[in-house]
C-alpha atoms as a PDB file:
ATOM      1  CA  UNK A   1      85.320  26.375 -54.432  1.00  0.00           C
ATOM      2  CA  UNK A   2      83.545  29.709 -54.810  1.00  0.00           C
ATOM      3  CA  UNK A   3      82.676  31.685 -51.687  1.00  0.00           C
ATOM      4  CA  UNK A   4      79.108  32.996 -51.891  1.00  0.00           C
ATOM      5  CA  UNK A   5      79.008  34.665 -48.469  1.00  0.00           C
ATOM      6  CA  UNK A   6      78.787  38.111 -50.061  1.00  0.00           C
ATOM      7  CA  UNK A   7      75.580  37.157 -51.868  1.00  0.00           C
ATOM      8  CA  UNK A   8      73.711  36.579 -48.619  1.00  0.00           C
ATOM      9  CA  UNK A   9      74.993  39.612 -46.700  1.00  0.00           C
ATOM     10  CA  UNK A  10      77.224  37.380 -44.585  1.00  0.00           C
ATOM     11  CA  UNK A  11      74.269  35.465 -43.119  1.00  0.00           C
ATOM     12  CA  UNK A  12      75.335  31.984 -44.225  1.00  0.00           C
ATOM     13  CA  UNK A  13      75.658  29.467 -41.399  1.00  0.00           C
ATOM     14  CA  UNK A  14      77.748  26.306 -41.440  1.00  0.00           C
ATOM     15  CA  UNK A  15      75.921  23.283 -40.016  1.00  0.00           C
ATOM     16  CA  UNK A  16      77.575  19.913 -39.547  1.00  0.00           C
ATOM     17  CA  UNK A  17      75.890  16.905 -41.150  1.00  0.00           C
ATOM     18  CA  UNK A  18      75.805  13.411 -39.709  1.00  0.00           C
ATOM     19  CA  UNK A  19      76.664  11.616 -42.939  1.00  0.00           C
ATOM     20  CA  UNK A  20      75.777   8.169 -41.616  1.00  0.00           C
ATOM     21  CA  UNK A  21      72.362   9.294 -40.358  1.00  0.00           C
ATOM     22  CA  UNK A  22      71.558  11.203 -43.556  1.00  0.00           C
ATOM     23  CA  UNK A  23      72.868   8.555 -45.937  1.00  0.00           C
ATOM     24  CA  UNK A  24      69.278   8.004 -47.068  1.00  0.00           C
ATOM     25  CA  UNK A  25      67.030  11.014 -47.604  1.00  0.00           C
ATOM     26  CA  UNK A  26      63.482  10.424 -48.846  1.00  0.00           C
ATOM     27  CA  UNK A  27      62.118  13.981 -48.784  1.00  0.00           C
ATOM     28  CA  UNK A  28      62.043  16.387 -51.714  1.00  0.00           C
ATOM     29  CA  UNK A  29      62.967  19.563 -49.842  1.00  0.00           C
ATOM     30  CA  UNK A  30      65.677  20.492 -52.380  1.00  0.00           C
ATOM     31  CA  UNK A  31      63.592  19.929 -55.477  1.00  0.00           C
ATOM     32  CA  UNK A  32      62.849  23.640 -55.999  1.00  0.00           C
ATOM     33  CA  UNK A  33      66.565  24.457 -56.026  1.00  0.00           C
ATOM     34  CA  UNK A  34      67.059  21.703 -58.608  1.00  0.00           C
ATOM     35  CA  UNK A  35      64.260  23.163 -60.742  1.00  0.00           C
ATOM     36  CA  UNK A  36      65.860  26.616 -60.582  1.00  0.00           C
ATOM     37  CA  UNK A  37      69.243  25.174 -61.571  1.00  0.00           C
ATOM     38  CA  UNK A  38      67.738  23.329 -64.549  1.00  0.00           C
ATOM     39  CA  UNK A  39      65.774  26.426 -65.556  1.00  0.00           C
ATOM     40  CA  UNK A  40      68.938  28.534 -65.470  1.00  0.00           C
ATOM     41  CA  UNK A  41      70.821  25.981 -67.576  1.00  0.00           C
ATOM     42  CA  UNK A  42      68.038  25.866 -70.183  1.00  0.00           C
ATOM     43  CA  UNK A  43      67.666  29.671 -70.186  1.00  0.00           C
ATOM     44  CA  UNK A  44      71.375  30.134 -70.874  1.00  0.00           C
ATOM     45  CA  UNK A  45      71.317  27.456 -73.589  1.00  0.00           C
ATOM     46  CA  UNK A  46      68.326  29.101 -75.312  1.00  0.00           C
ATOM     47  CA  UNK A  47      69.574  32.647 -74.721  1.00  0.00           C
ATOM     48  CA  UNK A  48      66.522  33.525 -72.604  1.00  0.00           C
ATOM     49  CA  UNK A  49      66.786  35.957 -69.694  1.00  0.00           C
ATOM     50  CA  UNK A  50      63.439  35.599 -67.893  1.00  0.00           C
ATOM     51  CA  UNK A  51      62.585  32.612 -65.677  1.00  0.00           C
ATOM     52  CA  UNK A  52      59.045  32.550 -64.288  1.00  0.00           C
ATOM     53  CA  UNK A  53      58.130  30.565 -61.176  1.00  0.00           C
ATOM     54  CA  UNK A  54      54.315  30.491 -60.856  1.00  0.00           C
ATOM     55  CA  UNK A  55      53.693  30.098 -57.115  1.00  0.00           C
ATOM     56  CA  UNK A  56      50.823  31.684 -55.199  1.00  0.00           C
ATOM     57  CA  UNK A  57      51.716  34.369 -52.675  1.00  0.00           C
ATOM     58  CA  UNK A  58      50.535  32.399 -49.642  1.00  0.00           C
ATOM     59  CA  UNK A  59      52.950  29.525 -50.252  1.00  0.00           C
ATOM     60  CA  UNK A  60      55.657  31.886 -51.505  1.00  0.00           C
ATOM     61  CA  UNK A  61      55.741  33.974 -48.334  1.00  0.00           C
ATOM     62  CA  UNK A  62      54.448  31.421 -45.798  1.00  0.00           C
ATOM     63  CA  UNK A  63      53.708  34.175 -43.266  1.00  0.00           C
ATOM     64  CA  UNK A  64      50.785  32.048 -42.092  1.00  0.00           C
ATOM     65  CA  UNK A  65      53.238  29.635 -40.448  1.00  0.00           C
ATOM     66  CA  UNK A  66      55.686  30.309 -37.646  1.00  0.00           C
ATOM     67  CA  UNK A  67      59.397  29.825 -38.297  1.00  0.00           C
ATOM     68  CA  UNK A  68      59.483  26.465 -36.508  1.00  0.00           C
ATOM     69  CA  UNK A  69      57.781  24.727 -39.422  1.00  0.00           C
ATOM     70  CA  UNK A  70      60.157  22.883 -41.753  1.00  0.00           C
ATOM     71  CA  UNK A  71      58.835  24.525 -44.902  1.00  0.00           C
ATOM     72  CA  UNK A  72      61.529  25.253 -47.461  1.00  0.00           C
ATOM     73  CA  UNK A  73      60.277  28.702 -48.563  1.00  0.00           C
ATOM     74  CA  UNK A  74      62.209  28.323 -51.812  1.00  0.00           C
ATOM     75  CA  UNK A  75      59.960  30.784 -53.640  1.00  0.00           C
ATOM     76  CA  UNK A  76      60.075  33.385 -50.874  1.00  0.00           C
ATOM     77  CA  UNK A  77      60.954  36.812 -52.321  1.00  0.00           C
ATOM     78  CA  UNK A  78      64.165  36.938 -50.252  1.00  0.00           C
ATOM     79  CA  UNK A  79      65.291  33.532 -51.525  1.00  0.00           C
ATOM     80  CA  UNK A  80      64.486  34.480 -55.116  1.00  0.00           C
ATOM     81  CA  UNK A  81      66.371  37.757 -54.666  1.00  0.00           C
ATOM     82  CA  UNK A  82      69.413  35.908 -53.318  1.00  0.00           C
ATOM     83  CA  UNK A  83      69.273  33.371 -56.147  1.00  0.00           C
ATOM     84  CA  UNK A  84      69.152  36.197 -58.683  1.00  0.00           C
ATOM     85  CA  UNK A  85      72.285  37.619 -57.065  1.00  0.00           C
ATOM     86  CA  UNK A  86      73.980  34.240 -57.514  1.00  0.00           C
ATOM     87  CA  UNK A  87      72.994  34.295 -61.187  1.00  0.00           C
ATOM     88  CA  UNK A  88      74.434  37.809 -61.497  1.00  0.00           C
ATOM     89  CA  UNK A  89      77.706  36.497 -60.097  1.00  0.00           C
ATOM     90  CA  UNK A  90      77.742  33.348 -62.252  1.00  0.00           C
ATOM     91  CA  UNK A  91      76.611  35.051 -65.460  1.00  0.00           C
ATOM     92  CA  UNK A  92      78.012  38.613 -65.320  1.00  0.00           C
ATOM     93  CA  UNK A  93      77.517  39.177 -69.058  1.00  0.00           C
ATOM     94  CA  UNK A  94      73.756  38.755 -69.026  1.00  0.00           C
ATOM     95  CA  UNK A  95      70.677  39.590 -66.929  1.00  0.00           C
ATOM     96  CA  UNK A  96      69.230  36.226 -65.947  1.00  0.00           C
ATOM     97  CA  UNK A  97      66.317  36.790 -63.577  1.00  0.00           C
ATOM     98  CA  UNK A  98      63.698  34.717 -61.742  1.00  0.00           C
ATOM     99  CA  UNK A  99      60.323  36.328 -61.064  1.00  0.00           C
ATOM    100  CA  UNK A 100      56.996  35.160 -59.655  1.00  0.00           C
ATOM    101  CA  UNK A 101      53.951  36.570 -61.489  1.00  0.00           C
ATOM    102  CA  UNK A 102      51.562  35.260 -58.807  1.00  0.00           C
ATOM    103  CA  UNK A 103      53.296  36.690 -55.739  1.00  0.00           C
ATOM    104  CA  UNK A 104      50.258  38.823 -54.842  1.00  0.00           C
ATOM    105  CA  UNK A 105      47.657  36.105 -55.556  1.00  0.00           C
ATOM    106  CA  UNK A 106      46.058  33.581 -53.216  1.00  0.00           C
ATOM    107  CA  UNK A 107      45.766  30.002 -54.466  1.00  0.00           C
ATOM    108  CA  UNK A 108      42.088  30.639 -55.153  1.00  0.00           C
ATOM    109  CA  UNK A 109      42.968  33.626 -57.337  1.00  0.00           C
ATOM    110  CA  UNK A 110      45.521  31.572 -59.267  1.00  0.00           C
ATOM    111  CA  UNK A 111      42.984  28.778 -59.857  1.00  0.00           C
ATOM    112  CA  UNK A 112      40.465  31.357 -61.081  1.00  0.00           C
ATOM    113  CA  UNK A 113      42.863  32.160 -63.939  1.00  0.00           C
ATOM    114  CA  UNK A 114      42.702  28.585 -65.262  1.00  0.00           C
ATOM    115  CA  UNK A 115      40.202  28.821 -68.156  1.00  0.00           C
ATOM    116  CA  UNK A 116      39.443  25.104 -68.520  1.00  0.00           C
ATOM    117  CA  UNK A 117      38.025  23.519 -65.366  1.00  0.00           C
ATOM    118  CA  UNK A 118      38.909  20.018 -66.577  1.00  0.00           C
ATOM    119  CA  UNK A 119      42.619  20.878 -66.476  1.00  0.00           C
ATOM    120  CA  UNK A 120      42.430  21.337 -62.700  1.00  0.00           C
ATOM    121  CA  UNK A 121      41.774  17.634 -62.164  1.00  0.00           C
ATOM    122  CA  UNK A 122      45.172  16.783 -63.673  1.00  0.00           C
ATOM    123  CA  UNK A 123      47.105  19.023 -61.286  1.00  0.00           C
ATOM    124  CA  UNK A 124      49.162  17.864 -58.324  1.00  0.00           C
ATOM    125  CA  UNK A 125      50.206  19.979 -55.356  1.00  0.00           C
ATOM    126  CA  UNK A 126      51.612  17.476 -52.864  1.00  0.00           C
ATOM    127  CA  UNK A 127      55.455  17.517 -52.693  1.00  0.00           C
ATOM    128  CA  UNK A 128      55.841  14.157 -51.008  1.00  0.00           C
ATOM    129  CA  UNK A 129      57.007  10.812 -52.406  1.00  0.00           C
ATOM    130  CA  UNK A 130      54.455   8.771 -54.277  1.00  0.00           C
ATOM    131  CA  UNK A 131      54.300   6.033 -51.651  1.00  0.00           C
ATOM    132  CA  UNK A 132      52.616   8.400 -49.151  1.00  0.00           C
ATOM    133  CA  UNK A 133      49.431   8.407 -51.216  1.00  0.00           C
ATOM    134  CA  UNK A 134      47.550   5.127 -51.568  1.00  0.00           C
ATOM    135  CA  UNK A 135      44.810   6.498 -53.830  1.00  0.00           C
ATOM    136  CA  UNK A 136      45.296   6.841 -57.585  1.00  0.00           C
ATOM    137  CA  UNK A 137      43.260   8.344 -60.393  1.00  0.00           C
ATOM    138  CA  UNK A 138      42.076   6.495 -63.492  1.00  0.00           C
ATOM    139  CA  UNK A 139      45.472   7.017 -65.145  1.00  0.00           C
ATOM    140  CA  UNK A 140      47.343   5.534 -62.213  1.00  0.00           C
ATOM    141  CA  UNK A 141      48.696   8.846 -60.947  1.00  0.00           C
ATOM    142  CA  UNK A 142      48.788   9.173 -57.135  1.00  0.00           C
ATOM    143  CA  UNK A 143      46.440  11.587 -55.436  1.00  0.00           C
ATOM    144  CA  UNK A 144      47.591  14.495 -53.300  1.00  0.00           C
ATOM    145  CA  UNK A 145      48.113  13.207 -49.741  1.00  0.00           C
ATOM    146  CA  UNK A 146      45.598  15.693 -48.296  1.00  0.00           C
ATOM    147  CA  UNK A 147      47.516  16.115 -45.029  1.00  0.00           C
ATOM    148  CA  UNK A 148      50.542  18.357 -45.669  1.00  0.00           C
ATOM    149  CA  UNK A 149      50.524  22.169 -45.742  1.00  0.00           C
ATOM    150  CA  UNK A 150      50.554  22.497 -49.565  1.00  0.00           C
ATOM    151  CA  UNK A 151      47.558  20.138 -49.698  1.00  0.00           C
ATOM    152  CA  UNK A 152      45.703  22.264 -47.132  1.00  0.00           C
ATOM    153  CA  UNK A 153      46.363  25.381 -49.226  1.00  0.00           C
ATOM    154  CA  UNK A 154      45.184  23.456 -52.294  1.00  0.00           C
ATOM    155  CA  UNK A 155      41.908  22.551 -50.586  1.00  0.00           C
ATOM    156  CA  UNK A 156      41.307  26.176 -49.559  1.00  0.00           C
ATOM    157  CA  UNK A 157      42.087  27.430 -53.055  1.00  0.00           C
ATOM    158  CA  UNK A 158      39.997  24.939 -54.996  1.00  0.00           C
ATOM    159  CA  UNK A 159      36.801  24.989 -52.936  1.00  0.00           C
ATOM    160  CA  UNK A 160      36.779  28.809 -52.992  1.00  0.00           C
ATOM    161  CA  UNK A 161      37.543  29.137 -56.691  1.00  0.00           C
ATOM    162  CA  UNK A 162      35.059  30.305 -59.281  1.00  0.00           C
ATOM    163  CA  UNK A 163      35.187  26.769 -60.719  1.00  0.00           C
ATOM    164  CA  UNK A 164      33.334  25.520 -57.603  1.00  0.00           C
ATOM    165  CA  UNK A 165      35.354  22.324 -57.190  1.00  0.00           C
ATOM    166  CA  UNK A 166      33.497  19.723 -55.126  1.00  0.00           C
ATOM    167  CA  UNK A 167      35.213  17.398 -52.595  1.00  0.00           C
ATOM    168  CA  UNK A 168      35.486  14.488 -55.043  1.00  0.00           C
ATOM    169  CA  UNK A 169      37.359  16.758 -57.449  1.00  0.00           C
ATOM    170  CA  UNK A 170      40.113  17.675 -54.987  1.00  0.00           C
ATOM    171  CA  UNK A 171      42.087  14.509 -55.855  1.00  0.00           C
ATOM    172  CA  UNK A 172      42.962  13.789 -52.226  1.00  0.00           C
ATOM    173  CA  UNK A 173      44.087  10.542 -50.673  1.00  0.00           C
ATOM    174  CA  UNK A 174      42.577  11.763 -47.385  1.00  0.00           C
ATOM    175  CA  UNK A 175      40.066  14.571 -46.848  1.00  0.00           C
ATOM    176  CA  UNK A 176      40.021  15.086 -43.088  1.00  0.00           C
ATOM    177  CA  UNK A 177      37.908  18.249 -43.282  1.00  0.00           C
ATOM    178  CA  UNK A 178      35.102  16.131 -44.681  1.00  0.00           C
ATOM    179  CA  UNK A 179      35.665  12.704 -43.122  1.00  0.00           C
ATOM    180  CA  UNK A 180      37.449  13.128 -39.789  1.00  0.00           C
ATOM    181  CA  UNK A 181      35.509  13.070 -36.512  1.00  0.00           C
ATOM    182  CA  UNK A 182      36.912  16.179 -34.825  1.00  0.00           C
ATOM    183  CA  UNK A 183      35.112  15.321 -31.588  1.00  0.00           C
ATOM    184  CA  UNK A 184      37.896  12.781 -31.018  1.00  0.00           C
ATOM    185  CA  UNK A 185      40.538  15.485 -30.521  1.00  0.00           C
ATOM    186  CA  UNK A 186      40.983  18.421 -28.185  1.00  0.00           C
ATOM    187  CA  UNK A 187      41.784  21.691 -29.944  1.00  0.00           C
ATOM    188  CA  UNK A 188      44.033  22.667 -27.048  1.00  0.00           C
ATOM    189  CA  UNK A 189      46.167  19.546 -27.110  1.00  0.00           C
ATOM    190  CA  UNK A 190      47.136  18.280 -30.556  1.00  0.00           C
ATOM    191  CA  UNK A 191      49.923  15.682 -30.553  1.00  0.00           C
ATOM    192  CA  UNK A 192      53.213  16.696 -32.143  1.00  0.00           C
ATOM    193  CA  UNK A 193      53.788  15.045 -35.525  1.00  0.00           C
ATOM    194  CA  UNK A 194      56.175  12.216 -36.190  1.00  0.00           C
ATOM    195  CA  UNK A 195      59.209  14.087 -37.521  1.00  0.00           C
ATOM    196  CA  UNK A 196      59.999  11.253 -39.936  1.00  0.00           C
ATOM    197  CA  UNK A 197      56.865  12.091 -41.913  1.00  0.00           C
ATOM    198  CA  UNK A 198      55.717  15.312 -43.490  1.00  0.00           C
ATOM    199  CA  UNK A 199      52.240  13.898 -44.037  1.00  0.00           C
ATOM    200  CA  UNK A 200      50.059  12.592 -41.197  1.00  0.00           C
ATOM    201  CA  UNK A 201      46.864  13.392 -39.321  1.00  0.00           C
ATOM    202  CA  UNK A 202      48.776  15.257 -36.609  1.00  0.00           C
ATOM    203  CA  UNK A 203      50.617  17.326 -39.231  1.00  0.00           C
ATOM    204  CA  UNK A 204      47.262  18.179 -40.793  1.00  0.00           C
ATOM    205  CA  UNK A 205      45.721  19.201 -37.457  1.00  0.00           C
ATOM    206  CA  UNK A 206      48.728  21.317 -36.501  1.00  0.00           C
ATOM    207  CA  UNK A 207      48.628  22.992 -39.906  1.00  0.00           C
ATOM    208  CA  UNK A 208      44.890  23.595 -39.634  1.00  0.00           C
ATOM    209  CA  UNK A 209      45.338  25.126 -36.173  1.00  0.00           C
ATOM    210  CA  UNK A 210      48.165  27.356 -37.391  1.00  0.00           C
ATOM    211  CA  UNK A 211      46.079  28.700 -40.262  1.00  0.00           C
ATOM    212  CA  UNK A 212      42.955  29.158 -38.153  1.00  0.00           C
ATOM    213  CA  UNK A 213      45.012  31.108 -35.623  1.00  0.00           C
ATOM    214  CA  UNK A 214      46.641  33.244 -38.315  1.00  0.00           C
ATOM    215  CA  UNK A 215      43.337  33.955 -40.088  1.00  0.00           C
ATOM    216  CA  UNK A 216      41.569  34.811 -36.841  1.00  0.00           C
ATOM    217  CA  UNK A 217      44.270  37.265 -35.840  1.00  0.00           C
ATOM    218  CA  UNK A 218      44.256  38.855 -39.279  1.00  0.00           C
ATOM    219  CA  UNK A 219      40.509  39.416 -38.975  1.00  0.00           C
ATOM    220  CA  UNK A 220      40.395  40.577 -35.345  1.00  0.00           C
ATOM    221  CA  UNK A 221      43.628  42.567 -34.890  1.00  0.00           C
ATOM    222  CA  UNK A 222      44.663  46.025 -35.992  1.00  0.00           C
ATOM    223  CA  UNK A 223      47.522  46.416 -38.442  1.00  0.00           C
ATOM    224  CA  UNK A 224      49.643  47.863 -35.650  1.00  0.00           C
ATOM    225  CA  UNK A 225      49.063  44.755 -33.538  1.00  0.00           C
ATOM    226  CA  UNK A 226      49.851  42.462 -36.460  1.00  0.00           C
ATOM    227  CA  UNK A 227      53.147  44.068 -37.444  1.00  0.00           C
ATOM    228  CA  UNK A 228      54.545  43.674 -33.933  1.00  0.00           C
ATOM    229  CA  UNK A 229      55.035  39.974 -34.744  1.00  0.00           C
ATOM    230  CA  UNK A 230      55.065  40.184 -38.547  1.00  0.00           C
ATOM    231  CA  UNK A 231      56.624  43.422 -39.861  1.00  0.00           C
ATOM    232  CA  UNK A 232      56.010  42.577 -43.526  1.00  0.00           C
ATOM    233  CA  UNK A 233      52.291  43.207 -42.919  1.00  0.00           C
ATOM    234  CA  UNK A 234      53.138  46.911 -43.000  1.00  0.00           C
ATOM    235  CA  UNK A 235      53.012  46.460 -46.770  1.00  0.00           C
ATOM    236  CA  UNK A 236      49.356  47.028 -47.795  1.00  0.00           C
ATOM    237  CA  UNK A 237      49.637  44.541 -50.684  1.00  0.00           C
ATOM    238  CA  UNK A 238      50.856  41.763 -48.388  1.00  0.00           C
ATOM    239  CA  UNK A 239      48.256  42.594 -45.748  1.00  0.00           C
ATOM    240  CA  UNK A 240      45.558  42.586 -48.432  1.00  0.00           C
ATOM    241  CA  UNK A 241      46.735  39.185 -49.656  1.00  0.00           C
ATOM    242  CA  UNK A 242      46.357  37.680 -46.191  1.00  0.00           C
ATOM    243  CA  UNK A 243      43.054  39.402 -45.498  1.00  0.00           C
ATOM    244  CA  UNK A 244      41.637  37.712 -48.595  1.00  0.00           C
ATOM    245  CA  UNK A 245      43.262  34.405 -47.646  1.00  0.00           C
ATOM    246  CA  UNK A 246      41.857  34.559 -44.110  1.00  0.00           C
ATOM    247  CA  UNK A 247      38.344  34.929 -45.508  1.00  0.00           C
ATOM    248  CA  UNK A 248      38.969  31.930 -47.765  1.00  0.00           C
ATOM    249  CA  UNK A 249      40.038  29.853 -44.747  1.00  0.00           C
ATOM    250  CA  UNK A 250      36.789  30.453 -42.883  1.00  0.00           C
ATOM    251  CA  UNK A 251      34.727  29.981 -46.050  1.00  0.00           C
ATOM    252  CA  UNK A 252      36.432  26.585 -46.410  1.00  0.00           C
ATOM    253  CA  UNK A 253      35.432  25.664 -42.853  1.00  0.00           C
ATOM    254  CA  UNK A 254      31.852  26.680 -43.607  1.00  0.00           C
ATOM    255  CA  UNK A 255      31.901  24.649 -46.838  1.00  0.00           C
ATOM    256  CA  UNK A 256      32.940  21.382 -45.153  1.00  0.00           C
ATOM    257  CA  UNK A 257      31.074  21.953 -41.876  1.00  0.00           C
ATOM    258  CA  UNK A 258      27.811  21.676 -43.808  1.00  0.00           C
ATOM    259  CA  UNK A 259      28.547  17.927 -44.094  1.00  0.00           C
ATOM    260  CA  UNK A 260      30.789  17.548 -41.046  1.00  0.00           C
ATOM    261  CA  UNK A 261      29.343  19.370 -38.001  1.00  0.00           C
ATOM    262  CA  UNK A 262      32.202  18.133 -35.794  1.00  0.00           C
ATOM    263  CA  UNK A 263      34.489  20.477 -37.757  1.00  0.00           C
ATOM    264  CA  UNK A 264      32.371  23.507 -36.859  1.00  0.00           C
ATOM    265  CA  UNK A 265      32.391  22.539 -33.175  1.00  0.00           C
ATOM    266  CA  UNK A 266      36.150  22.050 -33.251  1.00  0.00           C
ATOM    267  CA  UNK A 267      36.787  25.439 -34.863  1.00  0.00           C
ATOM    268  CA  UNK A 268      34.439  27.151 -32.397  1.00  0.00           C
ATOM    269  CA  UNK A 269      36.360  25.601 -29.493  1.00  0.00           C
ATOM    270  CA  UNK A 270      39.691  26.547 -31.043  1.00  0.00           C
ATOM    271  CA  UNK A 271      38.700  30.179 -31.613  1.00  0.00           C
ATOM    272  CA  UNK A 272      37.501  30.493 -28.011  1.00  0.00           C
ATOM    273  CA  UNK A 273      41.003  29.473 -26.948  1.00  0.00           C
ATOM    274  CA  UNK A 274      42.416  32.081 -29.323  1.00  0.00           C
ATOM    275  CA  UNK A 275      40.215  34.719 -27.669  1.00  0.00           C
ATOM    276  CA  UNK A 276      41.638  33.780 -24.270  1.00  0.00           C
ATOM    277  CA  UNK A 277      45.214  33.937 -25.556  1.00  0.00           C
ATOM    278  CA  UNK A 278      44.676  37.314 -27.210  1.00  0.00           C
ATOM    279  CA  UNK A 279      43.077  38.641 -24.015  1.00  0.00           C
ATOM    280  CA  UNK A 280      46.123  37.539 -22.031  1.00  0.00           C
ATOM    281  CA  UNK A 281      48.383  39.448 -24.418  1.00  0.00           C
ATOM    282  CA  UNK A 282      46.510  42.708 -23.862  1.00  0.00           C
END
C-alpha cells in the first residue's frame, strides 16, 4: 500500500472505525472524492490535463461555518491542492490538475452566468438521498430538501440572482423562510439536530443562525477583528467574496420577510443577541 503522508505535510490522522456500526452508510459525504477519481480516470484516458470543478466560493471555502459542522469541504482550495499533489505522485509523466473557475464567485454570481433562465429549474443542489425529499417535479425528479446548508446557499443565490427566481421556482421540498412560523422558536435556544439526519428543521435553523451571525460580523467588524478568528480574511479577494455574500444573506431575509413577518422578528431578536455577544468580547 502506498504511503501518502508526504502529500499532506504529515498531517494525516488515523481514526479507528467501528465496522459493525458503520456497516450501513446512507450519506453521500464521499461522493466528491468519487467524482474526482472518475474525472482523473477519464482525463488520463482522453489525454486531457485540465479538470474543472465548478463550485461557488462560499461552498468551496465554507468560512461561514465553524469547524464543528460536518461539511466535507471537498472543493476547499487546500483539499484541491492536496489532491493535485496526489495526482502528481500517481501520474509523474503528466500535469493533471483540478481547478475551480468559480472560487471567487458567490452562488448568486454563478447563477447570473447561466444565460437561459429555464435551465435553472432543472438544477439540483441537495446532496442527500432521494428519500429525504417527498416533493417531485413534473418529471418525477425529487426536489431539493430545502433544509441542509447547500439548500440554504441555493436559496440565497437564486433569489438574489439577476434571473429573479420566485419561491415556487426554487424547487424545494420545504421552504421554511417562507412557510415556517418563527414565533414558535427562540433565537437563543435552538435544539441541536438529530445527528442521524443531515436535513431537518433544526439543521436549517442552526445553519440560518450560523450564516446570520457570520454575515452580521462581516458587516459590523473591522478586518483586523475578523482575521483574529479567520486569518484567510486577510486576503482582500476572500474578504470581498464574503462581504458580497453577507449582503445577499440579508437581502434574502428581506425578500421572504415581506410575506413572512415572523422571519423579520426572529432575525431582529437574533441580531440583538449578536450585539450583546460582540459587546462582551470587547
